[in-house]
Amino acid sequence: MQFDIIRPTTDEVGQRRVALNQATLRRLNEAMRGGGDELVSFRCECGRFGCNQLIRLSPSEYAAVRAHPRRFVVVPGHEVVEIESAVERHNRYAVVEAHAAAVVGIAEQTSPRRDRGGQRPAPAAE
């Protein structure tokens, strides 16, 4: 069986499909738990269907990514340049930020971390 992991993301339908996949993986990663500074395995939040790679992050590294609703943690090289830009690169992982309008909307609407007033965090500075 061959996975179609890189489908065109040049149209809005393709971009929305990728964004919904990213949101699902982010929700899955929110359920992961670790203690202290131990590294925890998280799923790559890239939009590539069929990707099941794990990324090891400390809880503080993961929280830093989640502080921005348009950001996702991915395996280096898994960026989807049509919809997002790499904003951080590390040895174990990269952080991407959505820039395509359809993707930004989904990323912000599905952000799992809100302040106590029900508001989403402010968008990341450009």
PDB file of N, CA and C in Angstrom:
ATOM      1  N   MET A   1       0.842  -1.168   0.000  1.00  0.00           N
ATOM      2  CA  MET A   1       0.000   0.000   0.000  1.00  0.00           C
ATOM      3  C   MET A   1       0.891   1.235   0.000  1.00  0.00           C
ATOM      4  N   GLN A   2       0.557   2.182  -0.839  1.00  0.00           N
ATOM      5  CA  GLN A   2       1.321   3.423  -0.918  1.00  0.00           C
ATOM      6  C   GLN A   2       0.483   4.562  -0.363  1.00  0.00           C
ATOM      7  N   PHE A   3       1.098   5.382   0.480  1.00  0.00           N
ATOM      8  CA  PHE A   3       0.403   6.525   1.047  1.00  0.00           C
ATOM      9  C   PHE A   3       0.582   7.735   0.150  1.00  0.00           C
ATOM     10  N   ASP A   4      -0.478   8.476  -0.029  1.00  0.00           N
ATOM     11  CA  ASP A   4      -0.417   9.737  -0.754  1.00  0.00           C
ATOM     12  C   ASP A   4      -0.107  10.813   0.275  1.00  0.00           C
ATOM     13  N   ILE A   5       1.184  11.005   0.563  1.00  0.00           N
ATOM     14  CA  ILE A   5       1.540  11.904   1.661  1.00  0.00           C
ATOM     15  C   ILE A   5       1.725  13.342   1.214  1.00  0.00           C
ATOM     16  N   ILE A   6       1.901  13.570  -0.067  1.00  0.00           N
ATOM     17  CA  ILE A   6       2.066  14.946  -0.515  1.00  0.00           C
ATOM     18  C   ILE A   6       1.094  15.185  -1.663  1.00  0.00           C
ATOM     19  N   ARG A   7      -0.068  15.729  -1.332  1.00  0.00           N
ATOM     20  CA  ARG A   7      -1.052  16.084  -2.338  1.00  0.00           C
ATOM     21  C   ARG A   7      -0.932  17.579  -2.588  1.00  0.00           C
ATOM     22  N   PRO A   8      -1.393  18.040  -3.725  1.00  0.00           N
ATOM     23  CA  PRO A   8      -1.300  19.475  -4.003  1.00  0.00           C
ATOM     24  C   PRO A   8      -1.998  20.309  -2.933  1.00  0.00           C
ATOM     25  N   THR A   9      -1.339  21.379  -2.532  1.00  0.00           N
ATOM     26  CA  THR A   9      -1.921  22.280  -1.538  1.00  0.00           C
ATOM     27  C   THR A   9      -2.039  23.681  -2.121  1.00  0.00           C
ATOM     28  N   THR A  10      -2.210  23.741  -3.432  1.00  0.00           N
ATOM     29  CA  THR A  10      -2.303  25.036  -4.083  1.00  0.00           C
ATOM     30  C   THR A  10      -3.726  25.572  -4.115  1.00  0.00           C
ATOM     31  N   ASP A  11      -4.723  24.719  -3.932  1.00  0.00           N
ATOM     32  CA  ASP A  11      -6.106  25.198  -3.903  1.00  0.00           C
ATOM     33  C   ASP A  11      -6.633  25.192  -2.474  1.00  0.00           C
ATOM     34  N   GLU A  12      -7.717  25.911  -2.244  1.00  0.00           N
ATOM     35  CA  GLU A  12      -8.237  26.050  -0.886  1.00  0.00           C
ATOM     36  C   GLU A  12      -8.703  24.722  -0.303  1.00  0.00           C
ATOM     37  N   VAL A  13      -9.264  23.853  -1.115  1.00  0.00           N
ATOM     38  CA  VAL A  13      -9.729  22.549  -0.620  1.00  0.00           C
ATOM     39  C   VAL A  13      -8.543  21.740  -0.095  1.00  0.00           C
ATOM     40  N   GLY A  14      -7.459  21.710  -0.839  1.00  0.00           N
ATOM     41  CA  GLY A  14      -6.264  20.995  -0.387  1.00  0.00           C
ATOM     42  C   GLY A  14      -5.670  21.605   0.862  1.00  0.00           C
ATOM     43  N   GLN A  15      -5.666  22.925   0.921  1.00  0.00           N
ATOM     44  CA  GLN A  15      -5.132  23.606   2.089  1.00  0.00           C
ATOM     45  C   GLN A  15      -5.979  23.319   3.328  1.00  0.00           C
ATOM     46  N   ARG A  16      -7.288  23.323   3.183  1.00  0.00           N
ATOM     47  CA  ARG A  16      -8.177  23.031   4.313  1.00  0.00           C
ATOM     48  C   ARG A  16      -7.985  21.589   4.786  1.00  0.00           C
ATOM     49  N   ARG A  17      -7.790  20.661   3.852  1.00  0.00           N
ATOM     50  CA  ARG A  17      -7.561  19.255   4.217  1.00  0.00           C
ATOM     51  C   ARG A  17      -6.309  19.128   5.066  1.00  0.00           C
ATOM     52  N   VAL A  18      -5.240  19.787   4.653  1.00  0.00           N
ATOM     53  CA  VAL A  18      -3.984  19.747   5.407  1.00  0.00           C
ATOM     54  C   VAL A  18      -4.174  20.393   6.780  1.00  0.00           C
ATOM     55  N   ALA A  19      -4.855  21.527   6.813  1.00  0.00           N
ATOM     56  CA  ALA A  19      -5.073  22.236   8.086  1.00  0.00           C
ATOM     57  C   ALA A  19      -5.883  21.401   9.064  1.00  0.00           C
ATOM     58  N   LEU A  20      -6.898  20.701   8.580  1.00  0.00           N
ATOM     59  CA  LEU A  20      -7.700  19.850   9.464  1.00  0.00           C
ATOM     60  C   LEU A  20      -6.880  18.685   9.992  1.00  0.00           C
ATOM     61  N   ASN A  21      -5.980  18.150   9.172  1.00  0.00           N
ATOM     62  CA  ASN A  21      -5.094  17.083   9.623  1.00  0.00           C
ATOM     63  C   ASN A  21      -4.147  17.614  10.701  1.00  0.00           C
ATOM     64  N   GLN A  22      -3.597  18.810  10.501  1.00  0.00           N
ATOM     65  CA  GLN A  22      -2.724  19.409  11.505  1.00  0.00           C
ATOM     66  C   GLN A  22      -3.473  19.623  12.823  1.00  0.00           C
ATOM     67  N   ALA A  23      -4.701  20.114  12.733  1.00  0.00           N
ATOM     68  CA  ALA A  23      -5.499  20.374  13.945  1.00  0.00           C
ATOM     69  C   ALA A  23      -5.772  19.076  14.698  1.00  0.00           C
ATOM     70  N   THR A  24      -6.028  17.998  13.964  1.00  0.00           N
ATOM     71  CA  THR A  24      -6.280  16.701  14.595  1.00  0.00           C
ATOM     72  C   THR A  24      -5.030  16.212  15.330  1.00  0.00           C
ATOM     73  N   LEU A  25      -3.875  16.348  14.700  1.00  0.00           N
ATOM     74  CA  LEU A  25      -2.633  15.907  15.339  1.00  0.00           C
ATOM     75  C   LEU A  25      -2.300  16.776  16.542  1.00  0.00           C
ATOM     76  N   ARG A  26      -2.582  18.059  16.454  1.00  0.00           N
ATOM     77  CA  ARG A  26      -2.343  18.943  17.598  1.00  0.00           C
ATOM     78  C   ARG A  26      -3.221  18.524  18.773  1.00  0.00           C
ATOM     79  N   ARG A  27      -4.482  18.193  18.503  1.00  0.00           N
ATOM     80  CA  ARG A  27      -5.389  17.743  19.562  1.00  0.00           C
ATOM     81  C   ARG A  27      -4.889  16.436  20.181  1.00  0.00           C
ATOM     82  N   LEU A  28      -4.396  15.530  19.371  1.00  0.00           N
ATOM     83  CA  LEU A  28      -3.817  14.278  19.865  1.00  0.00           C
ATOM     84  C   LEU A  28      -2.605  14.574  20.760  1.00  0.00           C
ATOM     85  N   ASN A  29      -1.734  15.470  20.315  1.00  0.00           N
ATOM     86  CA  ASN A  29      -0.539  15.795  21.092  1.00  0.00           C
ATOM     87  C   ASN A  29      -0.868  16.463  22.412  1.00  0.00           C
ATOM     88  N   GLU A  30      -1.961  17.196  22.467  1.00  0.00           N
ATOM     89  CA  GLU A  30      -2.356  17.842  23.717  1.00  0.00           C
ATOM     90  C   GLU A  30      -2.625  16.813  24.820  1.00  0.00           C
ATOM     91  N   ALA A  31      -2.956  15.588  24.448  1.00  0.00           N
ATOM     92  CA  ALA A  31      -3.256  14.537  25.430  1.00  0.00           C
ATOM     93  C   ALA A  31      -1.999  13.865  25.973  1.00  0.00           C
ATOM     94  N   MET A  32      -0.845  14.128  25.356  1.00  0.00           N
ATOM     95  CA  MET A  32       0.397  13.499  25.803  1.00  0.00           C
ATOM     96  C   MET A  32       0.837  14.134  27.116  1.00  0.00           C
ATOM     97  N   ARG A  33       1.360  13.320  27.995  1.00  0.00           N
ATOM     98  CA  ARG A  33       1.787  13.819  29.303  1.00  0.00           C
ATOM     99  C   ARG A  33       3.213  13.376  29.584  1.00  0.00           C
ATOM    100  N   GLY A  34       3.920  14.236  30.257  1.00  0.00           N
ATOM    101  CA  GLY A  34       5.268  13.917  30.683  1.00  0.00           C
ATOM    102  C   GLY A  34       5.530  14.597  32.007  1.00  0.00           C
ATOM    103  N   GLY A  35       6.561  14.180  32.663  1.00  0.00           N
ATOM    104  CA  GLY A  35       6.882  14.770  33.955  1.00  0.00           C
ATOM    105  C   GLY A  35       8.178  15.549  33.907  1.00  0.00           C
ATOM    106  N   GLY A  36       8.186  16.677  34.563  1.00  0.00           N
ATOM    107  CA  GLY A  36       9.412  17.465  34.698  1.00  0.00           C
ATOM    108  C   GLY A  36       9.994  17.863  33.362  1.00  0.00           C
ATOM    109  N   ASP A  37      11.308  17.659  33.232  1.00  0.00           N
ATOM    110  CA  ASP A  37      11.998  18.036  32.011  1.00  0.00           C
ATOM    111  C   ASP A  37      12.253  16.845  31.088  1.00  0.00           C
ATOM    112  N   GLU A  38      11.643  15.705  31.396  1.00  0.00           N
ATOM    113  CA  GLU A  38      11.835  14.525  30.555  1.00  0.00           C
ATOM    114  C   GLU A  38      11.272  14.774  29.160  1.00  0.00           C
ATOM    115  N   LEU A  39      11.942  14.221  28.154  1.00  0.00           N
ATOM    116  CA  LEU A  39      11.442  14.345  26.795  1.00  0.00           C
ATOM    117  C   LEU A  39      10.227  13.440  26.614  1.00  0.00           C
ATOM    118  N   VAL A  40       9.238  13.972  25.905  1.00  0.00           N
ATOM    119  CA  VAL A  40       7.997  13.261  25.634  1.00  0.00           C
ATOM    120  C   VAL A  40       7.884  13.091  24.126  1.00  0.00           C
ATOM    121  N   SER A  41       7.359  11.961  23.681  1.00  0.00           N
ATOM    122  CA  SER A  41       7.163  11.737  22.254  1.00  0.00           C
ATOM    123  C   SER A  41       5.841  12.349  21.804  1.00  0.00           C
ATOM    124  N   PHE A  42       5.916  13.195  20.774  1.00  0.00           N
ATOM    125  CA  PHE A  42       4.749  13.818  20.165  1.00  0.00           C
ATOM    126  C   PHE A  42       4.712  13.428  18.696  1.00  0.00           C
ATOM    127  N   ARG A  43       3.520  13.386  18.129  1.00  0.00           N
ATOM    128  CA  ARG A  43       3.381  13.121  16.704  1.00  0.00           C
ATOM    129  C   ARG A  43       3.765  14.364  15.917  1.00  0.00           C
ATOM    130  N   CYS A  44       4.406  14.166  14.799  1.00  0.00           N
ATOM    131  CA  CYS A  44       4.701  15.254  13.872  1.00  0.00           C
ATOM    132  C   CYS A  44       3.364  15.852  13.443  1.00  0.00           C
ATOM    133  N   GLU A  45       3.239  17.175  13.516  1.00  0.00           N
ATOM    134  CA  GLU A  45       1.983  17.853  13.190  1.00  0.00           C
ATOM    135  C   GLU A  45       1.960  18.373  11.754  1.00  0.00           C
ATOM    136  N   CYS A  46       2.771  17.767  10.896  1.00  0.00           N
ATOM    137  CA  CYS A  46       2.759  18.189   9.494  1.00  0.00           C
ATOM    138  C   CYS A  46       1.432  17.771   8.864  1.00  0.00           C
ATOM    139  N   GLY A  47       1.119  18.332   7.761  1.00  0.00           N
ATOM    140  CA  GLY A  47      -0.139  18.010   7.098  1.00  0.00           C
ATOM    141  C   GLY A  47      -0.054  16.844   6.148  1.00  0.00           C
ATOM    142  N   ARG A  48       1.051  16.139   6.152  1.00  0.00           N
ATOM    143  CA  ARG A  48       1.245  15.027   5.216  1.00  0.00           C
ATOM    144  C   ARG A  48       0.495  13.788   5.701  1.00  0.00           C
ATOM    145  N   PHE A  49      -0.450  13.336   4.900  1.00  0.00           N
ATOM    146  CA  PHE A  49      -1.154  12.108   5.264  1.00  0.00           C
ATOM    147  C   PHE A  49      -0.181  10.948   5.200  1.00  0.00           C
ATOM    148  N   GLY A  50      -0.254  10.088   6.202  1.00  0.00           N
ATOM    149  CA  GLY A  50       0.635   8.941   6.269  1.00  0.00           C
ATOM    150  C   GLY A  50       1.857   9.170   7.137  1.00  0.00           C
ATOM    151  N   CYS A  51       2.112  10.401   7.534  1.00  0.00           N
ATOM    152  CA  CYS A  51       3.258  10.661   8.406  1.00  0.00           C
ATOM    153  C   CYS A  51       2.911  10.179   9.805  1.00  0.00           C
ATOM    154  N   ASN A  52       3.766   9.353  10.348  1.00  0.00           N
ATOM    155  CA  ASN A  52       3.574   8.877  11.722  1.00  0.00           C
ATOM    156  C   ASN A  52       4.863   9.003  12.524  1.00  0.00           C
ATOM    157  N   GLN A  53       5.690   9.960  12.143  1.00  0.00           N
ATOM    158  CA  GLN A  53       6.965  10.142  12.832  1.00  0.00           C
ATOM    159  C   GLN A  53       6.757  10.823  14.174  1.00  0.00           C
ATOM    160  N   LEU A  54       7.621  10.465  15.103  1.00  0.00           N
ATOM    161  CA  LEU A  54       7.564  11.029  16.448  1.00  0.00           C
ATOM    162  C   LEU A  54       8.686  12.041  16.643  1.00  0.00           C
ATOM    163  N   ILE A  55       8.396  13.042  17.453  1.00  0.00           N
ATOM    164  CA  ILE A  55       9.355  14.081  17.804  1.00  0.00           C
ATOM    165  C   ILE A  55       9.442  14.103  19.323  1.00  0.00           C
ATOM    166  N   ARG A  56      10.647  14.128  19.856  1.00  0.00           N
ATOM    167  CA  ARG A  56      10.815  14.168  21.315  1.00  0.00           C
ATOM    168  C   ARG A  56      11.053  15.610  21.737  1.00  0.00           C
ATOM    169  N   LEU A  57      10.164  16.108  22.601  1.00  0.00           N
ATOM    170  CA  LEU A  57      10.235  17.470  23.109  1.00  0.00           C
ATOM    171  C   LEU A  57      10.082  17.466  24.618  1.00  0.00           C
ATOM    172  N   SER A  58      10.659  18.468  25.243  1.00  0.00           N
ATOM    173  CA  SER A  58      10.389  18.661  26.664  1.00  0.00           C
ATOM    174  C   SER A  58       9.016  19.327  26.773  1.00  0.00           C
ATOM    175  N   PRO A  59       8.370  19.203  27.917  1.00  0.00           N
ATOM    176  CA  PRO A  59       7.082  19.888  28.082  1.00  0.00           C
ATOM    177  C   PRO A  59       7.183  21.399  27.842  1.00  0.00           C
ATOM    178  N   SER A  60       8.276  22.018  28.224  1.00  0.00           N
ATOM    179  CA  SER A  60       8.413  23.465  28.016  1.00  0.00           C
ATOM    180  C   SER A  60       8.596  23.806  26.534  1.00  0.00           C
ATOM    181  N   GLU A  61       9.296  22.954  25.788  1.00  0.00           N
ATOM    182  CA  GLU A  61       9.429  23.183  24.344  1.00  0.00           C
ATOM    183  C   GLU A  61       8.066  23.092  23.667  1.00  0.00           C
ATOM    184  N   TYR A  62       7.291  22.082  24.051  1.00  0.00           N
ATOM    185  CA  TYR A  62       5.960  21.920  23.462  1.00  0.00           C
ATOM    186  C   TYR A  62       5.056  23.095  23.834  1.00  0.00           C
ATOM    187  N   ALA A  63       5.105  23.533  25.086  1.00  0.00           N
ATOM    188  CA  ALA A  63       4.275  24.664  25.530  1.00  0.00           C
ATOM    189  C   ALA A  63       4.627  25.939  24.768  1.00  0.00           C
ATOM    190  N   ALA A  64       5.893  26.128  24.439  1.00  0.00           N
ATOM    191  CA  ALA A  64       6.300  27.310  23.679  1.00  0.00           C
ATOM    192  C   ALA A  64       5.671  27.319  22.284  1.00  0.00           C
ATOM    193  N   VAL A  65       5.573  26.152  21.666  1.00  0.00           N
ATOM    194  CA  VAL A  65       4.918  26.060  20.353  1.00  0.00           C
ATOM    195  C   VAL A  65       3.432  26.363  20.504  1.00  0.00           C
ATOM    196  N   ARG A  66       2.804  25.774  21.518  1.00  0.00           N
ATOM    197  CA  ARG A  66       1.357  25.933  21.719  1.00  0.00           C
ATOM    198  C   ARG A  66       0.956  27.335  22.134  1.00  0.00           C
ATOM    199  N   ALA A  67       1.918  28.173  22.527  1.00  0.00           N
ATOM    200  CA  ALA A  67       1.597  29.545  22.917  1.00  0.00           C
ATOM    201  C   ALA A  67       1.100  30.370  21.733  1.00  0.00           C
ATOM    202  N   HIS A  68       1.307  29.884  20.528  1.00  0.00           N
ATOM    203  CA  HIS A  68       0.893  30.571  19.304  1.00  0.00           C
ATOM    204  C   HIS A  68      -0.072  29.664  18.532  1.00  0.00           C
ATOM    205  N   PRO A  69      -1.315  30.075  18.347  1.00  0.00           N
ATOM    206  CA  PRO A  69      -2.307  29.187  17.732  1.00  0.00           C
ATOM    207  C   PRO A  69      -2.023  28.799  16.285  1.00  0.00           C
ATOM    208  N   ARG A  70      -1.204  29.573  15.576  1.00  0.00           N
ATOM    209  CA  ARG A  70      -0.907  29.252  14.179  1.00  0.00           C
ATOM    210  C   ARG A  70       0.359  28.418  14.023  1.00  0.00           C
ATOM    211  N   ARG A  71       0.948  27.984  15.129  1.00  0.00           N
ATOM    212  CA  ARG A  71       2.208  27.234  15.053  1.00  0.00           C
ATOM    213  C   ARG A  71       2.010  25.744  15.305  1.00  0.00           C
ATOM    214  N   PHE A  72       2.855  24.973  14.610  1.00  0.00           N
ATOM    215  CA  PHE A  72       2.832  23.518  14.710  1.00  0.00           C
ATOM    216  C   PHE A  72       4.261  23.010  14.780  1.00  0.00           C
ATOM    217  N   VAL A  73       4.452  21.875  15.445  1.00  0.00           N
ATOM    218  CA  VAL A  73       5.774  21.263  15.559  1.00  0.00           C
ATOM    219  C   VAL A  73       5.854  20.129  14.538  1.00  0.00           C
ATOM    220  N   VAL A  74       6.952  20.119  13.765  1.00  0.00           N
ATOM    221  CA  VAL A  74       7.108  19.126  12.702  1.00  0.00           C
ATOM    222  C   VAL A  74       8.526  18.567  12.698  1.00  0.00           C
ATOM    223  N   VAL A  75       8.665  17.418  12.066  1.00  0.00           N
ATOM    224  CA  VAL A  75       9.985  16.850  11.805  1.00  0.00           C
ATOM    225  C   VAL A  75      10.669  17.786  10.800  1.00  0.00           C
ATOM    226  N   PRO A  76      11.954  18.098  10.999  1.00  0.00           N
ATOM    227  CA  PRO A  76      12.637  18.957  10.020  1.00  0.00           C
ATOM    228  C   PRO A  76      12.470  18.406   8.594  1.00  0.00           C
ATOM    229  N   GLY A  77      12.112  19.292   7.685  1.00  0.00           N
ATOM    230  CA  GLY A  77      11.891  18.899   6.298  1.00  0.00           C
ATOM    231  C   GLY A  77      10.437  18.596   5.971  1.00  0.00           C
ATOM    232  N   HIS A  78       9.566  18.581   6.959  1.00  0.00           N
ATOM    233  CA  HIS A  78       8.149  18.296   6.726  1.00  0.00           C
ATOM    234  C   HIS A  78       7.304  19.559   6.536  1.00  0.00           C
ATOM    235  N   GLU A  79       7.950  20.685   6.346  1.00  0.00           N
ATOM    236  CA  GLU A  79       7.230  21.921   6.108  1.00  0.00           C
ATOM    237  C   GLU A  79       6.448  21.825   4.794  1.00  0.00           C
ATOM    238  N   VAL A  80       5.266  22.414   4.764  1.00  0.00           N
ATOM    239  CA  VAL A  80       4.461  22.495   3.545  1.00  0.00           C
ATOM    240  C   VAL A  80       4.502  23.971   3.147  1.00  0.00           C
ATOM    241  N   VAL A  81       5.449  24.315   2.283  1.00  0.00           N
ATOM    242  CA  VAL A  81       5.768  25.720   2.029  1.00  0.00           C
ATOM    243  C   VAL A  81       4.625  26.518   1.406  1.00  0.00           C
ATOM    244  N   GLU A  82       3.676  25.856   0.784  1.00  0.00           N
ATOM    245  CA  GLU A  82       2.551  26.580   0.198  1.00  0.00           C
ATOM    246  C   GLU A  82       1.636  27.191   1.256  1.00  0.00           C
ATOM    247  N   ILE A  83       1.676  26.648   2.479  1.00  0.00           N
ATOM    248  CA  ILE A  83       0.724  27.097   3.502  1.00  0.00           C
ATOM    249  C   ILE A  83       1.373  27.592   4.784  1.00  0.00           C
ATOM    250  N   GLU A  84       2.679  27.350   4.960  1.00  0.00           N
ATOM    251  CA  GLU A  84       3.325  27.684   6.229  1.00  0.00           C
ATOM    252  C   GLU A  84       4.797  28.005   6.002  1.00  0.00           C
ATOM    253  N   SER A  85       5.360  28.668   6.996  1.00  0.00           N
ATOM    254  CA  SER A  85       6.784  29.017   6.951  1.00  0.00           C
ATOM    255  C   SER A  85       7.453  28.521   8.221  1.00  0.00           C
ATOM    256  N   ALA A  86       8.687  28.063   8.085  1.00  0.00           N
ATOM    257  CA  ALA A  86       9.455  27.655   9.262  1.00  0.00           C
ATOM    258  C   ALA A  86       9.858  28.917  10.027  1.00  0.00           C
ATOM    259  N   VAL A  87       9.559  28.928  11.320  1.00  0.00           N
ATOM    260  CA  VAL A  87       9.921  30.072  12.157  1.00  0.00           C
ATOM    261  C   VAL A  87      11.000  29.712  13.175  1.00  0.00           C
ATOM    262  N   GLU A  88      11.219  28.423  13.392  1.00  0.00           N
ATOM    263  CA  GLU A  88      12.295  27.935  14.270  1.00  0.00           C
ATOM    264  C   GLU A  88      12.797  26.616  13.714  1.00  0.00           C
ATOM    265  N   ARG A  89      14.087  26.406  13.850  1.00  0.00           N
ATOM    266  CA  ARG A  89      14.691  25.119  13.467  1.00  0.00           C
ATOM    267  C   ARG A  89      15.601  24.670  14.608  1.00  0.00           C
ATOM    268  N   HIS A  90      15.411  23.422  15.020  1.00  0.00           N
ATOM    269  CA  HIS A  90      16.206  22.826  16.088  1.00  0.00           C
ATOM    270  C   HIS A  90      16.722  21.482  15.581  1.00  0.00           C
ATOM    271  N   ASN A  91      17.603  20.858  16.330  1.00  0.00           N
ATOM    272  CA  ASN A  91      18.128  19.552  15.908  1.00  0.00           C
ATOM    273  C   ASN A  91      17.033  18.503  15.799  1.00  0.00           C
ATOM    274  N   ARG A  92      16.117  18.488  16.760  1.00  0.00           N
ATOM    275  CA  ARG A  92      15.096  17.438  16.821  1.00  0.00           C
ATOM    276  C   ARG A  92      13.793  17.799  16.134  1.00  0.00           C
ATOM    277  N   TYR A  93      13.545  19.075  15.926  1.00  0.00           N
ATOM    278  CA  TYR A  93      12.241  19.489  15.400  1.00  0.00           C
ATOM    279  C   TYR A  93      12.322  20.875  14.777  1.00  0.00           C
ATOM    280  N   ALA A  94      11.277  21.207  14.025  1.00  0.00           N
ATOM    281  CA  ALA A  94      11.110  22.553  13.479  1.00  0.00           C
ATOM    282  C   ALA A  94       9.735  23.052  13.902  1.00  0.00           C
ATOM    283  N   VAL A  95       9.578  24.360  13.927  1.00  0.00           N
ATOM    284  CA  VAL A  95       8.293  24.975  14.232  1.00  0.00           C
ATOM    285  C   VAL A  95       7.870  25.746  12.991  1.00  0.00           C
ATOM    286  N   VAL A  96       6.651  25.492  12.537  1.00  0.00           N
ATOM    287  CA  VAL A  96       6.114  26.195  11.375  1.00  0.00           C
ATOM    288  C   VAL A  96       4.932  27.044  11.801  1.00  0.00           C
ATOM    289  N   GLU A  97       4.686  28.106  11.034  1.00  0.00           N
ATOM    290  CA  GLU A  97       3.545  28.976  11.303  1.00  0.00           C
ATOM    291  C   GLU A  97       2.725  29.111  10.026  1.00  0.00           C
ATOM    292  N   ALA A  98       1.433  28.876  10.148  1.00  0.00           N
ATOM    293  CA  ALA A  98       0.527  28.963   9.014  1.00  0.00           C
ATOM    294  C   ALA A  98       0.463  30.390   8.489  1.00  0.00           C
ATOM    295  N   HIS A  99       0.456  30.533   7.138  1.00  0.00           N
ATOM    296  CA  HIS A  99       0.293  31.849   6.531  1.00  0.00           C
ATOM    297  C   HIS A  99      -0.817  31.891   5.496  1.00  0.00           C
ATOM    298  N   ALA A 100      -1.246  30.754   4.968  1.00  0.00           N
ATOM    299  CA  ALA A 100      -2.349  30.723   4.003  1.00  0.00           C
ATOM    300  C   ALA A 100      -3.657  31.003   4.741  1.00  0.00           C
ATOM    301  N   ALA A 101      -4.492  31.854   4.172  1.00  0.00           N
ATOM    302  CA  ALA A 101      -5.716  32.306   4.852  1.00  0.00           C
ATOM    303  C   ALA A 101      -6.599  31.150   5.329  1.00  0.00           C
ATOM    304  N   ALA A 102      -6.832  30.161   4.495  1.00  0.00           N
ATOM    305  CA  ALA A 102      -7.699  29.040   4.880  1.00  0.00           C
ATOM    306  C   ALA A 102      -7.105  28.268   6.046  1.00  0.00           C
ATOM    307  N   VAL A 103      -5.811  28.137   6.070  1.00  0.00           N
ATOM    308  CA  VAL A 103      -5.120  27.389   7.120  1.00  0.00           C
ATOM    309  C   VAL A 103      -5.088  28.188   8.420  1.00  0.00           C
ATOM    310  N   VAL A 104      -4.823  29.488   8.317  1.00  0.00           N
ATOM    311  CA  VAL A 104      -4.799  30.346   9.502  1.00  0.00           C
ATOM    312  C   VAL A 104      -6.143  30.286  10.216  1.00  0.00           C
ATOM    313  N   GLY A 105      -7.237  30.375   9.462  1.00  0.00           N
ATOM    314  CA  GLY A 105      -8.567  30.322  10.062  1.00  0.00           C
ATOM    315  C   GLY A 105      -8.806  29.045  10.837  1.00  0.00           C
ATOM    316  N   ILE A 106      -8.464  27.917  10.259  1.00  0.00           N
ATOM    317  CA  ILE A 106      -8.662  26.630  10.938  1.00  0.00           C
ATOM    318  C   ILE A 106      -7.741  26.517  12.141  1.00  0.00           C
ATOM    319  N   ALA A 107      -6.485  26.921  11.990  1.00  0.00           N
ATOM    320  CA  ALA A 107      -5.534  26.835  13.104  1.00  0.00           C
ATOM    321  C   ALA A 107      -6.025  27.639  14.300  1.00  0.00           C
ATOM    322  N   GLU A 108      -6.516  28.838  14.047  1.00  0.00           N
ATOM    323  CA  GLU A 108      -6.974  29.682  15.152  1.00  0.00           C
ATOM    324  C   GLU A 108      -8.287  29.178  15.744  1.00  0.00           C
ATOM    325  N   GLN A 109      -9.196  28.696  14.910  1.00  0.00           N
ATOM    326  CA  GLN A 109     -10.486  28.190  15.406  1.00  0.00           C
ATOM    327  C   GLN A 109     -10.339  26.932  16.234  1.00  0.00           C
ATOM    328  N   THR A 110      -9.317  26.133  15.950  1.00  0.00           N
ATOM    329  CA  THR A 110      -9.155  24.852  16.629  1.00  0.00           C
ATOM    330  C   THR A 110      -8.067  24.893  17.705  1.00  0.00           C
ATOM    331  N   SER A 111      -7.541  26.072  17.997  1.00  0.00           N
ATOM    332  CA  SER A 111      -6.480  26.189  18.995  1.00  0.00           C
ATOM    333  C   SER A 111      -6.958  25.638  20.336  1.00  0.00           C
ATOM    334  N   PRO A 112      -6.247  24.657  20.901  1.00  0.00           N
ATOM    335  CA  PRO A 112      -6.701  24.026  22.140  1.00  0.00           C
ATOM    336  C   PRO A 112      -6.403  24.827  23.408  1.00  0.00           C
ATOM    337  N   ARG A 113      -5.558  25.815  23.299  1.00  0.00           N
ATOM    338  CA  ARG A 113      -5.179  26.570  24.505  1.00  0.00           C
ATOM    339  C   ARG A 113      -5.771  27.971  24.442  1.00  0.00           C
ATOM    340  N   ARG A 114      -6.634  28.241  25.393  1.00  0.00           N
ATOM    341  CA  ARG A 114      -7.291  29.541  25.474  1.00  0.00           C
ATOM    342  C   ARG A 114      -7.049  30.101  26.858  1.00  0.00           C
ATOM    343  N   ASP A 115      -7.148  31.416  26.966  1.00  0.00           N
ATOM    344  CA  ASP A 115      -7.015  31.985  28.309  1.00  0.00           C
ATOM    345  C   ASP A 115      -8.320  31.764  29.066  1.00  0.00           C
ATOM    346  N   ARG A 116      -8.367  32.131  30.300  1.00  0.00           N
ATOM    347  CA  ARG A 116      -9.527  31.855  31.146  1.00  0.00           C
ATOM    348  C   ARG A 116     -10.793  32.553  30.672  1.00  0.00           C
ATOM    349  N   GLY A 117     -10.661  33.626  29.925  1.00  0.00           N
ATOM    350  CA  GLY A 117     -11.827  34.343  29.427  1.00  0.00           C
ATOM    351  C   GLY A 117     -12.391  33.758  28.154  1.00  0.00           C
ATOM    352  N   GLY A 118     -11.826  32.648  27.692  1.00  0.00           N
ATOM    353  CA  GLY A 118     -12.323  32.002  26.484  1.00  0.00           C
ATOM    354  C   GLY A 118     -11.731  32.574  25.208  1.00  0.00           C
ATOM    355  N   GLN A 119     -10.813  33.521  25.331  1.00  0.00           N
ATOM    356  CA  GLN A 119     -10.190  34.120  24.159  1.00  0.00           C
ATOM    357  C   GLN A 119      -8.980  33.292  23.744  1.00  0.00           C
ATOM    358  N   ARG A 120      -8.708  33.297  22.470  1.00  0.00           N
ATOM    359  CA  ARG A 120      -7.533  32.634  21.968  1.00  0.00           C
ATOM    360  C   ARG A 120      -6.321  33.535  22.217  1.00  0.00           C
ATOM    361  N   PRO A 121      -5.121  32.935  22.300  1.00  0.00           N
ATOM    362  CA  PRO A 121      -3.927  33.753  22.467  1.00  0.00           C
ATOM    363  C   PRO A 121      -3.756  34.708  21.288  1.00  0.00           C
ATOM    364  N   ALA A 122      -3.064  35.800  21.498  1.00  0.00           N
ATOM    365  CA  ALA A 122      -2.812  36.757  20.426  1.00  0.00           C
ATOM    366  C   ALA A 122      -1.962  36.104  19.354  1.00  0.00           C
ATOM    367  N   PRO A 123      -2.182  36.473  18.080  1.00  0.00           N
ATOM    368  CA  PRO A 123      -1.352  35.907  16.990  1.00  0.00           C
ATOM    369  C   PRO A 123       0.107  36.249  17.194  1.00  0.00           C
ATOM    370  N   ALA A 124       0.963  35.408  16.657  1.00  0.00           N
ATOM    371  CA  ALA A 124       2.396  35.619  16.777  1.00  0.00           C
ATOM    372  C   ALA A 124       2.801  36.867  16.012  1.00  0.00           C
ATOM    373  N   ALA A 125       3.792  37.544  16.511  1.00  0.00           N
ATOM    374  CA  ALA A 125       4.304  38.737  15.820  1.00  0.00           C
ATOM    375  C   ALA A 125       4.989  38.313  14.535  1.00  0.00           C
ATOM    376  N   GLU A 126       4.844  39.132  13.535  1.00  0.00           N
ATOM    377  CA  GLU A 126       5.455  38.803  12.233  1.00  0.00           C
ATOM    378  C   GLU A 126       6.778  39.473  12.077  1.00  0.00           C
TER     379      GLU A 126
END
